[in-house]
Amino acid sequence: MICKWLYDVGKRNVDYATEIVKLLVDIGLKLVKVGADALAVKAIQFALDGLADAVKQSLQAAIVQLVELGKQFTATLGDARDLLARRNDHGAFEDGRWPQAVYN
Protein backbone atom coordinates (compact mmCIF):
# COMPACT_ATOMS: atom_id res chain seq x y z
CA MET A 1 0.00 0.00 0.00
CA ILE A 2 2.75 2.48 0.96
CA CYS A 3 4.80 1.56 -2.10
CA LYS A 4 1.81 2.14 -4.41
CA TRP A 5 1.01 5.41 -2.64
CA LEU A 6 4.58 6.67 -3.06
CA TYR A 7 4.58 5.60 -6.71
CA ASP A 8 1.27 7.39 -7.37
CA VAL A 9 2.48 10.59 -5.72
CA GLY A 10 5.75 10.45 -7.65
CA LYS A 11 3.93 9.80 -10.92
CA ARG A 12 1.60 12.75 -10.35
CA ASN A 13 4.60 14.97 -9.59
CA VAL A 14 6.37 13.91 -12.78
CA ASP A 15 3.19 14.42 -14.83
CA TYR A 16 2.76 17.88 -13.34
CA ALA A 17 6.41 18.82 -13.96
CA THR A 18 6.08 17.62 -17.56
CA GLU A 19 3.07 19.85 -18.12
CA ILE A 20 4.94 22.83 -16.65
CA VAL A 21 7.90 22.22 -18.97
CA LYS A 22 5.59 21.98 -22.00
CA LEU A 23 3.96 25.25 -20.96
CA LEU A 24 7.32 27.00 -20.53
CA VAL A 25 8.57 25.76 -23.90
CA ASP A 26 5.39 26.99 -25.60
CA ILE A 27 5.69 30.41 -23.94
CA GLY A 28 9.37 30.61 -24.87
CA LEU A 29 8.65 29.84 -28.52
CA LYS A 30 5.95 32.52 -28.64
CA LEU A 31 8.27 35.10 -27.11
CA VAL A 32 11.01 34.22 -29.62
CA LYS A 33 8.50 34.74 -32.44
CA VAL A 34 7.47 38.09 -30.94
CA GLY A 35 11.13 39.12 -30.73
CA ALA A 36 11.76 38.11 -34.32
CA ASP A 37 8.68 40.02 -35.48
CA ALA A 38 9.77 43.11 -33.55
CA LEU A 39 13.04 43.26 -35.50
CA ALA A 40 11.18 44.41 -38.59
CA VAL A 41 9.90 47.95 -38.15
CA LYS A 42 6.83 47.21 -40.25
CA ALA A 43 5.93 44.24 -38.05
CA ILE A 44 6.10 45.98 -34.64
CA GLN A 45 2.32 46.16 -34.38
CA PHE A 46 2.06 42.44 -35.19
CA ALA A 47 4.76 41.76 -32.62
CA LEU A 48 2.78 43.65 -29.98
CA ASP A 49 -0.35 41.72 -30.93
CA GLY A 50 1.64 38.51 -30.65
CA LEU A 51 2.99 39.56 -27.28
CA ALA A 52 -0.52 40.32 -26.00
CA ASP A 53 -1.69 36.93 -27.26
CA ALA A 54 1.28 35.17 -25.64
CA VAL A 55 0.60 36.89 -22.31
CA LYS A 56 -3.10 35.99 -22.50
CA GLN A 57 -2.34 32.34 -23.26
CA SER A 58 0.30 32.23 -20.53
CA LEU A 59 -2.15 33.54 -17.93
CA GLN A 60 -4.80 31.07 -19.05
CA ALA A 61 -2.31 28.21 -18.84
CA ALA A 62 -1.14 29.34 -15.40
CA ILE A 63 -4.72 29.34 -14.11
CA VAL A 64 -5.32 25.87 -15.56
CA GLN A 65 -2.12 24.65 -13.88
CA LEU A 66 -3.17 26.18 -10.56
CA VAL A 67 -6.49 24.35 -10.75
CA GLU A 68 -4.67 21.12 -11.64
CA LEU A 69 -2.33 21.61 -8.69
CA GLY A 70 -5.36 21.93 -6.41
CA LYS A 71 -6.77 18.67 -7.80
CA GLN A 72 -3.45 16.89 -7.30
CA PHE A 73 -3.13 18.23 -3.76
CA THR A 74 -6.63 17.01 -2.92
CA ALA A 75 -5.86 13.58 -4.38
CA THR A 76 -2.65 13.37 -2.37
CA LEU A 77 -4.49 14.29 0.81
CA GLY A 78 -7.03 11.55 0.08
CA ASP A 79 -4.25 9.03 -0.45
CA ALA A 80 -2.58 10.09 2.81
CA ARG A 81 -5.91 9.72 4.62
CA ASP A 82 -6.33 6.21 3.18
CA LEU A 83 -2.79 5.30 4.18
CA LEU A 84 -3.35 6.57 7.72
CA ALA A 85 -6.61 4.62 7.97
CA ARG A 86 -4.82 1.45 6.88
CA ARG A 87 -2.01 2.09 9.36
CA ASN A 88 -4.50 2.53 12.18
CA ASP A 89 -6.40 -0.67 11.29
CA HIS A 90 -4.97 -3.04 13.88
CA GLY A 91 -7.56 -5.79 13.48
CA ALA A 92 -5.21 -8.11 11.57
CA PHE A 93 -2.57 -8.16 14.32
CA GLU A 94 -2.33 -10.22 17.44
CA ASP A 95 -3.69 -8.30 20.44
CA GLY A 96 -5.01 -5.67 18.01
CA ARG A 97 -1.64 -3.85 17.87
CA TRP A 98 1.20 -3.48 15.41
CA PRO A 99 4.27 -5.58 16.27
CA GLN A 100 6.61 -3.83 18.71
CA ALA A 101 9.35 -3.42 16.08
CA VAL A 102 6.96 -1.37 13.94
CA TYR A 103 5.25 0.39 16.82
CA ASN A 104 8.44 1.85 18.31
PDB file of N, CA and C in Angstrom:
ATOM      1  N   MET A   1       0.830  -1.196   0.000  1.00  0.00           N
ATOM      2  CA  MET A   1       0.000   0.000   0.000  1.00  0.00           C
ATOM      3  C   MET A   1       0.876   1.262   0.000  1.00  0.00           C
ATOM      4  N   ILE A   2       1.881   1.294   0.884  1.00  0.00           N
ATOM      5  CA  ILE A   2       2.748   2.475   0.963  1.00  0.00           C
ATOM      6  C   ILE A   2       3.533   2.633  -0.333  1.00  0.00           C
ATOM      7  N   CYS A   3       4.021   1.515  -0.866  1.00  0.00           N
ATOM      8  CA  CYS A   3       4.802   1.565  -2.104  1.00  0.00           C
ATOM      9  C   CYS A   3       3.944   2.113  -3.252  1.00  0.00           C
ATOM     10  N   LYS A   4       2.705   1.645  -3.364  1.00  0.00           N
ATOM     11  CA  LYS A   4       1.806   2.135  -4.406  1.00  0.00           C
ATOM     12  C   LYS A   4       1.509   3.612  -4.192  1.00  0.00           C
ATOM     13  N   TRP A   5       1.307   4.009  -2.955  1.00  0.00           N
ATOM     14  CA  TRP A   5       1.014   5.412  -2.644  1.00  0.00           C
ATOM     15  C   TRP A   5       2.189   6.297  -3.054  1.00  0.00           C
ATOM     16  N   LEU A   6       3.397   5.890  -2.691  1.00  0.00           N
ATOM     17  CA  LEU A   6       4.579   6.671  -3.062  1.00  0.00           C
ATOM     18  C   LEU A   6       4.745   6.733  -4.579  1.00  0.00           C
ATOM     19  N   TYR A   7       4.492   5.612  -5.249  1.00  0.00           N
ATOM     20  CA  TYR A   7       4.578   5.597  -6.708  1.00  0.00           C
ATOM     21  C   TYR A   7       3.556   6.559  -7.309  1.00  0.00           C
ATOM     22  N   ASP A   8       2.324   6.516  -6.834  1.00  0.00           N
ATOM     23  CA  ASP A   8       1.274   7.391  -7.374  1.00  0.00           C
ATOM     24  C   ASP A   8       1.609   8.862  -7.162  1.00  0.00           C
ATOM     25  N   VAL A   9       2.103   9.201  -5.986  1.00  0.00           N
ATOM     26  CA  VAL A   9       2.483  10.588  -5.716  1.00  0.00           C
ATOM     27  C   VAL A   9       3.637  11.003  -6.628  1.00  0.00           C
ATOM     28  N   GLY A  10       4.623  10.147  -6.765  1.00  0.00           N
ATOM     29  CA  GLY A  10       5.746  10.446  -7.649  1.00  0.00           C
ATOM     30  C   GLY A  10       5.314  10.600  -9.098  1.00  0.00           C
ATOM     31  N   LYS A  11       4.423   9.721  -9.550  1.00  0.00           N
ATOM     32  CA  LYS A  11       3.927   9.797 -10.920  1.00  0.00           C
ATOM     33  C   LYS A  11       3.169  11.098 -11.152  1.00  0.00           C
ATOM     34  N   ARG A  12       2.334  11.485 -10.209  1.00  0.00           N
ATOM     35  CA  ARG A  12       1.602  12.749 -10.350  1.00  0.00           C
ATOM     36  C   ARG A  12       2.558  13.930 -10.389  1.00  0.00           C
ATOM     37  N   ASN A  13       3.612  13.881  -9.579  1.00  0.00           N
ATOM     38  CA  ASN A  13       4.598  14.970  -9.588  1.00  0.00           C
ATOM     39  C   ASN A  13       5.317  15.059 -10.928  1.00  0.00           C
ATOM     40  N   VAL A  14       5.695  13.920 -11.489  1.00  0.00           N
ATOM     41  CA  VAL A  14       6.374  13.913 -12.785  1.00  0.00           C
ATOM     42  C   VAL A  14       5.430  14.408 -13.879  1.00  0.00           C
ATOM     43  N   ASP A  15       4.178  13.956 -13.847  1.00  0.00           N
ATOM     44  CA  ASP A  15       3.193  14.419 -14.835  1.00  0.00           C
ATOM     45  C   ASP A  15       3.014  15.931 -14.750  1.00  0.00           C
ATOM     46  N   TYR A  16       2.938  16.446 -13.533  1.00  0.00           N
ATOM     47  CA  TYR A  16       2.761  17.884 -13.340  1.00  0.00           C
ATOM     48  C   TYR A  16       3.986  18.653 -13.850  1.00  0.00           C
ATOM     49  N   ALA A  17       5.174  18.157 -13.512  1.00  0.00           N
ATOM     50  CA  ALA A  17       6.407  18.821 -13.963  1.00  0.00           C
ATOM     51  C   ALA A  17       6.500  18.799 -15.488  1.00  0.00           C
ATOM     52  N   THR A  18       6.076  17.713 -16.105  1.00  0.00           N
ATOM     53  CA  THR A  18       6.084  17.616 -17.562  1.00  0.00           C
ATOM     54  C   THR A  18       5.172  18.665 -18.182  1.00  0.00           C
ATOM     55  N   GLU A  19       3.997  18.838 -17.611  1.00  0.00           N
ATOM     56  CA  GLU A  19       3.066  19.850 -18.116  1.00  0.00           C
ATOM     57  C   GLU A  19       3.639  21.259 -17.966  1.00  0.00           C
ATOM     58  N   ILE A  20       4.316  21.522 -16.864  1.00  0.00           N
ATOM     59  CA  ILE A  20       4.935  22.835 -16.654  1.00  0.00           C
ATOM     60  C   ILE A  20       6.020  23.082 -17.703  1.00  0.00           C
ATOM     61  N   VAL A  21       6.840  22.063 -17.966  1.00  0.00           N
ATOM     62  CA  VAL A  21       7.901  22.220 -18.968  1.00  0.00           C
ATOM     63  C   VAL A  21       7.304  22.481 -20.349  1.00  0.00           C
ATOM     64  N   LYS A  22       6.250  21.741 -20.708  1.00  0.00           N
ATOM     65  CA  LYS A  22       5.594  21.979 -22.000  1.00  0.00           C
ATOM     66  C   LYS A  22       5.077  23.413 -22.081  1.00  0.00           C
ATOM     67  N   LEU A  23       4.486  23.883 -21.002  1.00  0.00           N
ATOM     68  CA  LEU A  23       3.964  25.250 -20.955  1.00  0.00           C
ATOM     69  C   LEU A  23       5.090  26.266 -21.135  1.00  0.00           C
ATOM     70  N   LEU A  24       6.194  26.068 -20.434  1.00  0.00           N
ATOM     71  CA  LEU A  24       7.319  27.001 -20.529  1.00  0.00           C
ATOM     72  C   LEU A  24       7.940  27.009 -21.930  1.00  0.00           C
ATOM     73  N   VAL A  25       8.036  25.829 -22.544  1.00  0.00           N
ATOM     74  CA  VAL A  25       8.574  25.761 -23.903  1.00  0.00           C
ATOM     75  C   VAL A  25       7.655  26.510 -24.865  1.00  0.00           C
ATOM     76  N   ASP A  26       6.357  26.311 -24.728  1.00  0.00           N
ATOM     77  CA  ASP A  26       5.393  26.991 -25.596  1.00  0.00           C
ATOM     78  C   ASP A  26       5.488  28.508 -25.431  1.00  0.00           C
ATOM     79  N   ILE A  27       5.565  28.968 -24.200  1.00  0.00           N
ATOM     80  CA  ILE A  27       5.692  30.411 -23.942  1.00  0.00           C
ATOM     81  C   ILE A  27       7.001  30.936 -24.528  1.00  0.00           C
ATOM     82  N   GLY A  28       8.081  30.197 -24.334  1.00  0.00           N
ATOM     83  CA  GLY A  28       9.373  30.613 -24.871  1.00  0.00           C
ATOM     84  C   GLY A  28       9.361  30.742 -26.388  1.00  0.00           C
ATOM     85  N   LEU A  29       8.734  29.774 -27.054  1.00  0.00           N
ATOM     86  CA  LEU A  29       8.653  29.843 -28.521  1.00  0.00           C
ATOM     87  C   LEU A  29       7.841  31.048 -28.979  1.00  0.00           C
ATOM     88  N   LYS A  30       6.766  31.346 -28.282  1.00  0.00           N
ATOM     89  CA  LYS A  30       5.951  32.518 -28.642  1.00  0.00           C
ATOM     90  C   LYS A  30       6.732  33.812 -28.448  1.00  0.00           C
ATOM     91  N   LEU A  31       7.494  33.882 -27.366  1.00  0.00           N
ATOM     92  CA  LEU A  31       8.273  35.096 -27.110  1.00  0.00           C
ATOM     93  C   LEU A  31       9.400  35.257 -28.136  1.00  0.00           C
ATOM     94  N   VAL A  32       9.983  34.140 -28.566  1.00  0.00           N
ATOM     95  CA  VAL A  32      11.007  34.216 -29.617  1.00  0.00           C
ATOM     96  C   VAL A  32      10.388  34.746 -30.904  1.00  0.00           C
ATOM     97  N   LYS A  33       9.189  34.267 -31.239  1.00  0.00           N
ATOM     98  CA  LYS A  33       8.505  34.744 -32.441  1.00  0.00           C
ATOM     99  C   LYS A  33       8.204  36.238 -32.330  1.00  0.00           C
ATOM    100  N   VAL A  34       7.754  36.674 -31.145  1.00  0.00           N
ATOM    101  CA  VAL A  34       7.474  38.094 -30.940  1.00  0.00           C
ATOM    102  C   VAL A  34       8.758  38.908 -31.131  1.00  0.00           C
ATOM    103  N   GLY A  35       9.851  38.425 -30.573  1.00  0.00           N
ATOM    104  CA  GLY A  35      11.128  39.124 -30.725  1.00  0.00           C
ATOM    105  C   GLY A  35      11.567  39.205 -32.167  1.00  0.00           C
ATOM    106  N   ALA A  36      11.386  38.107 -32.897  1.00  0.00           N
ATOM    107  CA  ALA A  36      11.761  38.115 -34.315  1.00  0.00           C
ATOM    108  C   ALA A  36      10.879  39.073 -35.102  1.00  0.00           C
ATOM    109  N   ASP A  37       9.590  39.093 -34.789  1.00  0.00           N
ATOM    110  CA  ASP A  37       8.677  40.017 -35.477  1.00  0.00           C
ATOM    111  C   ASP A  37       9.021  41.473 -35.167  1.00  0.00           C
ATOM    112  N   ALA A  38       9.473  41.732 -33.962  1.00  0.00           N
ATOM    113  CA  ALA A  38       9.767  43.106 -33.552  1.00  0.00           C
ATOM    114  C   ALA A  38      11.007  43.663 -34.252  1.00  0.00           C
ATOM    115  N   LEU A  39      11.832  42.800 -34.815  1.00  0.00           N
ATOM    116  CA  LEU A  39      13.040  43.260 -35.503  1.00  0.00           C
ATOM    117  C   LEU A  39      12.706  44.028 -36.780  1.00  0.00           C
ATOM    118  N   ALA A  40      11.596  43.695 -37.385  1.00  0.00           N
ATOM    119  CA  ALA A  40      11.178  44.414 -38.588  1.00  0.00           C
ATOM    120  C   ALA A  40      10.281  45.577 -38.174  1.00  0.00           C
ATOM    121  N   VAL A  41      10.643  46.759 -38.549  1.00  0.00           N
ATOM    122  CA  VAL A  41       9.902  47.955 -38.150  1.00  0.00           C
ATOM    123  C   VAL A  41       8.443  47.856 -38.577  1.00  0.00           C
ATOM    124  N   LYS A  42       8.197  47.328 -39.762  1.00  0.00           N
ATOM    125  CA  LYS A  42       6.835  47.210 -40.253  1.00  0.00           C
ATOM    126  C   LYS A  42       6.000  46.237 -39.421  1.00  0.00           C
ATOM    127  N   ALA A  43       6.655  45.298 -38.759  1.00  0.00           N
ATOM    128  CA  ALA A  43       5.932  44.242 -38.046  1.00  0.00           C
ATOM    129  C   ALA A  43       5.798  44.508 -36.552  1.00  0.00           C
ATOM    130  N   ILE A  44       6.157  45.699 -36.085  1.00  0.00           N
ATOM    131  CA  ILE A  44       6.101  45.977 -34.643  1.00  0.00           C
ATOM    132  C   ILE A  44       4.678  45.819 -34.109  1.00  0.00           C
ATOM    133  N   GLN A  45       3.701  46.303 -34.848  1.00  0.00           N
ATOM    134  CA  GLN A  45       2.316  46.159 -34.379  1.00  0.00           C
ATOM    135  C   GLN A  45       1.933  44.685 -34.267  1.00  0.00           C
ATOM    136  N   PHE A  46       2.351  43.880 -35.246  1.00  0.00           N
ATOM    137  CA  PHE A  46       2.062  42.443 -35.193  1.00  0.00           C
ATOM    138  C   PHE A  46       2.791  41.791 -34.018  1.00  0.00           C
ATOM    139  N   ALA A  47       4.002  42.288 -33.753  1.00  0.00           N
ATOM    140  CA  ALA A  47       4.758  41.763 -32.620  1.00  0.00           C
ATOM    141  C   ALA A  47       4.040  42.075 -31.312  1.00  0.00           C
ATOM    142  N   LEU A  48       3.516  43.294 -31.198  1.00  0.00           N
ATOM    143  CA  LEU A  48       2.784  43.654 -29.979  1.00  0.00           C
ATOM    144  C   LEU A  48       1.507  42.824 -29.838  1.00  0.00           C
ATOM    145  N   ASP A  49       0.825  42.588 -30.959  1.00  0.00           N
ATOM    146  CA  ASP A  49      -0.348  41.719 -30.930  1.00  0.00           C
ATOM    147  C   ASP A  49       0.036  40.306 -30.495  1.00  0.00           C
ATOM    148  N   GLY A  50       1.148  39.841 -31.031  1.00  0.00           N
ATOM    149  CA  GLY A  50       1.640  38.509 -30.654  1.00  0.00           C
ATOM    150  C   GLY A  50       2.016  38.440 -29.195  1.00  0.00           C
ATOM    151  N   LEU A  51       2.622  39.516 -28.690  1.00  0.00           N
ATOM    152  CA  LEU A  51       2.991  39.562 -27.278  1.00  0.00           C
ATOM    153  C   LEU A  51       1.742  39.533 -26.399  1.00  0.00           C
ATOM    154  N   ALA A  52       0.733  40.311 -26.774  1.00  0.00           N
ATOM    155  CA  ALA A  52      -0.515  40.317 -26.003  1.00  0.00           C
ATOM    156  C   ALA A  52      -1.150  38.933 -26.014  1.00  0.00           C
ATOM    157  N   ASP A  53      -1.129  38.278 -27.164  1.00  0.00           N
ATOM    158  CA  ASP A  53      -1.691  36.927 -27.263  1.00  0.00           C
ATOM    159  C   ASP A  53      -0.888  35.943 -26.415  1.00  0.00           C
ATOM    160  N   ALA A  54       0.429  36.061 -26.434  1.00  0.00           N
ATOM    161  CA  ALA A  54       1.281  35.174 -25.638  1.00  0.00           C
ATOM    162  C   ALA A  54       1.029  35.366 -24.151  1.00  0.00           C
ATOM    163  N   VAL A  55       0.881  36.620 -23.726  1.00  0.00           N
ATOM    164  CA  VAL A  55       0.605  36.895 -22.307  1.00  0.00           C
ATOM    165  C   VAL A  55      -0.756  36.320 -21.917  1.00  0.00           C
ATOM    166  N   LYS A  56      -1.759  36.513 -22.774  1.00  0.00           N
ATOM    167  CA  LYS A  56      -3.097  35.990 -22.505  1.00  0.00           C
ATOM    168  C   LYS A  56      -3.065  34.468 -22.368  1.00  0.00           C
ATOM    169  N   GLN A  57      -2.418  33.803 -23.310  1.00  0.00           N
ATOM    170  CA  GLN A  57      -2.344  32.343 -23.260  1.00  0.00           C
ATOM    171  C   GLN A  57      -1.539  31.858 -22.053  1.00  0.00           C
ATOM    172  N   SER A  58      -0.503  32.598 -21.694  1.00  0.00           N
ATOM    173  CA  SER A  58       0.301  32.228 -20.529  1.00  0.00           C
ATOM    174  C   SER A  58      -0.516  32.327 -19.245  1.00  0.00           C
ATOM    175  N   LEU A  59      -1.298  33.391 -19.113  1.00  0.00           N
ATOM    176  CA  LEU A  59      -2.147  33.537 -17.932  1.00  0.00           C
ATOM    177  C   LEU A  59      -3.209  32.450 -17.869  1.00  0.00           C
ATOM    178  N   GLN A  60      -3.813  32.145 -19.014  1.00  0.00           N
ATOM    179  CA  GLN A  60      -4.800  31.068 -19.047  1.00  0.00           C
ATOM    180  C   GLN A  60      -4.166  29.738 -18.640  1.00  0.00           C
ATOM    181  N   ALA A  61      -2.993  29.452 -19.167  1.00  0.00           N
ATOM    182  CA  ALA A  61      -2.309  28.206 -18.837  1.00  0.00           C
ATOM    183  C   ALA A  61      -1.919  28.160 -17.366  1.00  0.00           C
ATOM    184  N   ALA A  62      -1.504  29.297 -16.809  1.00  0.00           N
ATOM    185  CA  ALA A  62      -1.142  29.345 -15.395  1.00  0.00           C
ATOM    186  C   ALA A  62      -2.357  29.062 -14.514  1.00  0.00           C
ATOM    187  N   ILE A  63      -3.509  29.592 -14.889  1.00  0.00           N
ATOM    188  CA  ILE A  63      -4.721  29.343 -14.114  1.00  0.00           C
ATOM    189  C   ILE A  63      -5.111  27.872 -14.198  1.00  0.00           C
ATOM    190  N   VAL A  64      -5.020  27.296 -15.395  1.00  0.00           N
ATOM    191  CA  VAL A  64      -5.316  25.866 -15.562  1.00  0.00           C
ATOM    192  C   VAL A  64      -4.372  25.029 -14.702  1.00  0.00           C
ATOM    193  N   GLN A  65      -3.086  25.391 -14.692  1.00  0.00           N
ATOM    194  CA  GLN A  65      -2.121  24.649 -13.883  1.00  0.00           C
ATOM    195  C   GLN A  65      -2.396  24.804 -12.391  1.00  0.00           C
ATOM    196  N   LEU A  66      -2.835  25.971 -11.968  1.00  0.00           N
ATOM    197  CA  LEU A  66      -3.170  26.183 -10.562  1.00  0.00           C
ATOM    198  C   LEU A  66      -4.351  25.306 -10.156  1.00  0.00           C
ATOM    199  N   VAL A  67      -5.349  25.219 -11.017  1.00  0.00           N
ATOM    200  CA  VAL A  67      -6.494  24.348 -10.752  1.00  0.00           C
ATOM    201  C   VAL A  67      -6.034  22.892 -10.691  1.00  0.00           C
ATOM    202  N   GLU A  68      -5.177  22.495 -11.626  1.00  0.00           N
ATOM    203  CA  GLU A  68      -4.670  21.123 -11.641  1.00  0.00           C
ATOM    204  C   GLU A  68      -3.863  20.824 -10.383  1.00  0.00           C
ATOM    205  N   LEU A  69      -3.091  21.789  -9.925  1.00  0.00           N
ATOM    206  CA  LEU A  69      -2.329  21.615  -8.693  1.00  0.00           C
ATOM    207  C   LEU A  69      -3.266  21.394  -7.516  1.00  0.00           C
ATOM    208  N   GLY A  70      -4.368  22.135  -7.471  1.00  0.00           N
ATOM    209  CA  GLY A  70      -5.364  21.932  -6.409  1.00  0.00           C
ATOM    210  C   GLY A  70      -5.954  20.537  -6.454  1.00  0.00           C
ATOM    211  N   LYS A  71      -6.241  20.028  -7.661  1.00  0.00           N
ATOM    212  CA  LYS A  71      -6.768  18.669  -7.799  1.00  0.00           C
ATOM    213  C   LYS A  71      -5.748  17.638  -7.306  1.00  0.00           C
ATOM    214  N   GLN A  72      -4.493  17.830  -7.707  1.00  0.00           N
ATOM    215  CA  GLN A  72      -3.452  16.895  -7.297  1.00  0.00           C
ATOM    216  C   GLN A  72      -3.241  16.922  -5.784  1.00  0.00           C
ATOM    217  N   PHE A  73      -3.291  18.102  -5.207  1.00  0.00           N
ATOM    218  CA  PHE A  73      -3.126  18.233  -3.756  1.00  0.00           C
ATOM    219  C   PHE A  73      -4.260  17.507  -3.032  1.00  0.00           C
ATOM    220  N   THR A  74      -5.479  17.682  -3.521  1.00  0.00           N
ATOM    221  CA  THR A  74      -6.628  17.013  -2.919  1.00  0.00           C
ATOM    222  C   THR A  74      -6.492  15.500  -3.034  1.00  0.00           C
ATOM    223  N   ALA A  75      -6.056  15.017  -4.200  1.00  0.00           N
ATOM    224  CA  ALA A  75      -5.863  13.579  -4.384  1.00  0.00           C
ATOM    225  C   ALA A  75      -4.791  13.041  -3.447  1.00  0.00           C
ATOM    226  N   THR A  76      -3.722  13.797  -3.273  1.00  0.00           N
ATOM    227  CA  THR A  76      -2.649  13.366  -2.374  1.00  0.00           C
ATOM    228  C   THR A  76      -3.128  13.332  -0.931  1.00  0.00           C
ATOM    229  N   LEU A  77      -3.919  14.316  -0.537  1.00  0.00           N
ATOM    230  CA  LEU A  77      -4.486  14.287   0.815  1.00  0.00           C
ATOM    231  C   LEU A  77      -5.384  13.074   1.011  1.00  0.00           C
ATOM    232  N   GLY A  78      -6.184  12.745   0.002  1.00  0.00           N
ATOM    233  CA  GLY A  78      -7.032  11.553   0.085  1.00  0.00           C
ATOM    234  C   GLY A  78      -6.211  10.289   0.211  1.00  0.00           C
ATOM    235  N   ASP A  79      -5.127  10.204  -0.549  1.00  0.00           N
ATOM    236  CA  ASP A  79      -4.249   9.033  -0.451  1.00  0.00           C
ATOM    237  C   ASP A  79      -3.601   8.944   0.926  1.00  0.00           C
ATOM    238  N   ALA A  80      -3.174  10.081   1.473  1.00  0.00           N
ATOM    239  CA  ALA A  80      -2.579  10.093   2.810  1.00  0.00           C
ATOM    240  C   ALA A  80      -3.599   9.665   3.856  1.00  0.00           C
ATOM    241  N   ARG A  81      -4.849  10.119   3.697  1.00  0.00           N
ATOM    242  CA  ARG A  81      -5.907   9.718   4.619  1.00  0.00           C
ATOM    243  C   ARG A  81      -6.122   8.209   4.558  1.00  0.00           C
ATOM    244  N   ASP A  82      -6.152   7.658   3.337  1.00  0.00           N
ATOM    245  CA  ASP A  82      -6.328   6.210   3.177  1.00  0.00           C
ATOM    246  C   ASP A  82      -5.173   5.443   3.803  1.00  0.00           C
ATOM    247  N   LEU A  83      -3.964   5.947   3.610  1.00  0.00           N
ATOM    248  CA  LEU A  83      -2.786   5.300   4.183  1.00  0.00           C
ATOM    249  C   LEU A  83      -2.836   5.337   5.704  1.00  0.00           C
ATOM    250  N   LEU A  84      -3.243   6.452   6.261  1.00  0.00           N
ATOM    251  CA  LEU A  84      -3.352   6.572   7.716  1.00  0.00           C
ATOM    252  C   LEU A  84      -4.434   5.638   8.256  1.00  0.00           C
ATOM    253  N   ALA A  85      -5.538   5.530   7.540  1.00  0.00           N
ATOM    254  CA  ALA A  85      -6.609   4.624   7.973  1.00  0.00           C
ATOM    255  C   ALA A  85      -6.115   3.183   7.965  1.00  0.00           C
ATOM    256  N   ARG A  86      -5.359   2.814   6.938  1.00  0.00           N
ATOM    257  CA  ARG A  86      -4.817   1.451   6.884  1.00  0.00           C
ATOM    258  C   ARG A  86      -3.819   1.222   8.003  1.00  0.00           C
ATOM    259  N   ARG A  87      -2.999   2.220   8.279  1.00  0.00           N
ATOM    260  CA  ARG A  87      -2.006   2.094   9.359  1.00  0.00           C
ATOM    261  C   ARG A  87      -2.681   1.925  10.698  1.00  0.00           C
ATOM    262  N   ASN A  88      -3.801   2.592  10.892  1.00  0.00           N
ATOM    263  CA  ASN A  88      -4.497   2.528  12.180  1.00  0.00           C
ATOM    264  C   ASN A  88      -5.458   1.354  12.293  1.00  0.00           C
ATOM    265  N   ASP A  89      -5.575   0.536  11.238  1.00  0.00           N
ATOM    266  CA  ASP A  89      -6.403  -0.670  11.292  1.00  0.00           C
ATOM    267  C   ASP A  89      -5.569  -1.793  11.895  1.00  0.00           C
ATOM    268  N   HIS A  90      -5.785  -2.065  13.148  1.00  0.00           N
ATOM    269  CA  HIS A  90      -4.968  -3.037  13.876  1.00  0.00           C
ATOM    270  C   HIS A  90      -5.648  -4.391  13.984  1.00  0.00           C
ATOM    271  N   GLY A  91      -6.781  -4.561  13.345  1.00  0.00           N
ATOM    272  CA  GLY A  91      -7.556  -5.790  13.483  1.00  0.00           C
ATOM    273  C   GLY A  91      -6.836  -7.042  13.020  1.00  0.00           C
ATOM    274  N   ALA A  92      -5.895  -6.931  12.103  1.00  0.00           N
ATOM    275  CA  ALA A  92      -5.211  -8.106  11.573  1.00  0.00           C
ATOM    276  C   ALA A  92      -4.061  -8.585  12.462  1.00  0.00           C
ATOM    277  N   PHE A  93      -3.720  -7.815  13.478  1.00  0.00           N
ATOM    278  CA  PHE A  93      -2.568  -8.159  14.316  1.00  0.00           C
ATOM    279  C   PHE A  93      -3.006  -8.796  15.628  1.00  0.00           C
ATOM    280  N   GLU A  94      -2.099  -9.594  16.135  1.00  0.00           N
ATOM    281  CA  GLU A  94      -2.329 -10.223  17.440  1.00  0.00           C
ATOM    282  C   GLU A  94      -2.464  -9.139  18.502  1.00  0.00           C
ATOM    283  N   ASP A  95      -3.387  -9.266  19.373  1.00  0.00           N
ATOM    284  CA  ASP A  95      -3.693  -8.298  20.436  1.00  0.00           C
ATOM    285  C   ASP A  95      -4.165  -6.960  19.873  1.00  0.00           C
ATOM    286  N   GLY A  96      -4.490  -6.907  18.590  1.00  0.00           N
ATOM    287  CA  GLY A  96      -5.007  -5.675  18.009  1.00  0.00           C
ATOM    288  C   GLY A  96      -3.991  -4.543  17.940  1.00  0.00           C
ATOM    289  N   ARG A  97      -2.692  -4.870  17.937  1.00  0.00           N
ATOM    290  CA  ARG A  97      -1.644  -3.849  17.870  1.00  0.00           C
ATOM    291  C   ARG A  97      -0.612  -4.229  16.817  1.00  0.00           C
ATOM    292  N   TRP A  98       0.068  -3.224  16.300  1.00  0.00           N
ATOM    293  CA  TRP A  98       1.198  -3.478  15.406  1.00  0.00           C
ATOM    294  C   TRP A  98       2.291  -4.168  16.213  1.00  0.00           C
ATOM    295  N   PRO A  99       3.138  -4.974  15.552  1.00  0.00           N
ATOM    296  CA  PRO A  99       4.272  -5.577  16.272  1.00  0.00           C
ATOM    297  C   PRO A  99       5.149  -4.488  16.892  1.00  0.00           C
ATOM    298  N   GLN A 100       5.816  -4.813  17.984  1.00  0.00           N
ATOM    299  CA  GLN A 100       6.606  -3.827  18.711  1.00  0.00           C
ATOM    300  C   GLN A 100       7.685  -3.203  17.831  1.00  0.00           C
ATOM    301  N   ALA A 101       8.292  -3.966  16.943  1.00  0.00           N
ATOM    302  CA  ALA A 101       9.349  -3.424  16.079  1.00  0.00           C
ATOM    303  C   ALA A 101       8.809  -2.312  15.181  1.00  0.00           C
ATOM    304  N   VAL A 102       7.574  -2.410  14.780  1.00  0.00           N
ATOM    305  CA  VAL A 102       6.956  -1.375  13.935  1.00  0.00           C
ATOM    306  C   VAL A 102       6.436  -0.249  14.795  1.00  0.00           C
ATOM    307  N   TYR A 103       5.886  -0.584  15.942  1.00  0.00           N
ATOM    308  CA  TYR A 103       5.252   0.392  16.819  1.00  0.00           C
ATOM    309  C   TYR A 103       6.243   1.409  17.350  1.00  0.00           C
ATOM    310  N   ASN A 104       7.440   0.954  17.730  1.00  0.00           N
ATOM    311  CA  ASN A 104       8.437   1.853  18.310  1.00  0.00           C
ATOM    312  C   ASN A 104       9.184   2.457  17.189  1.00  0.00           C
TER     313      ASN A 104
END
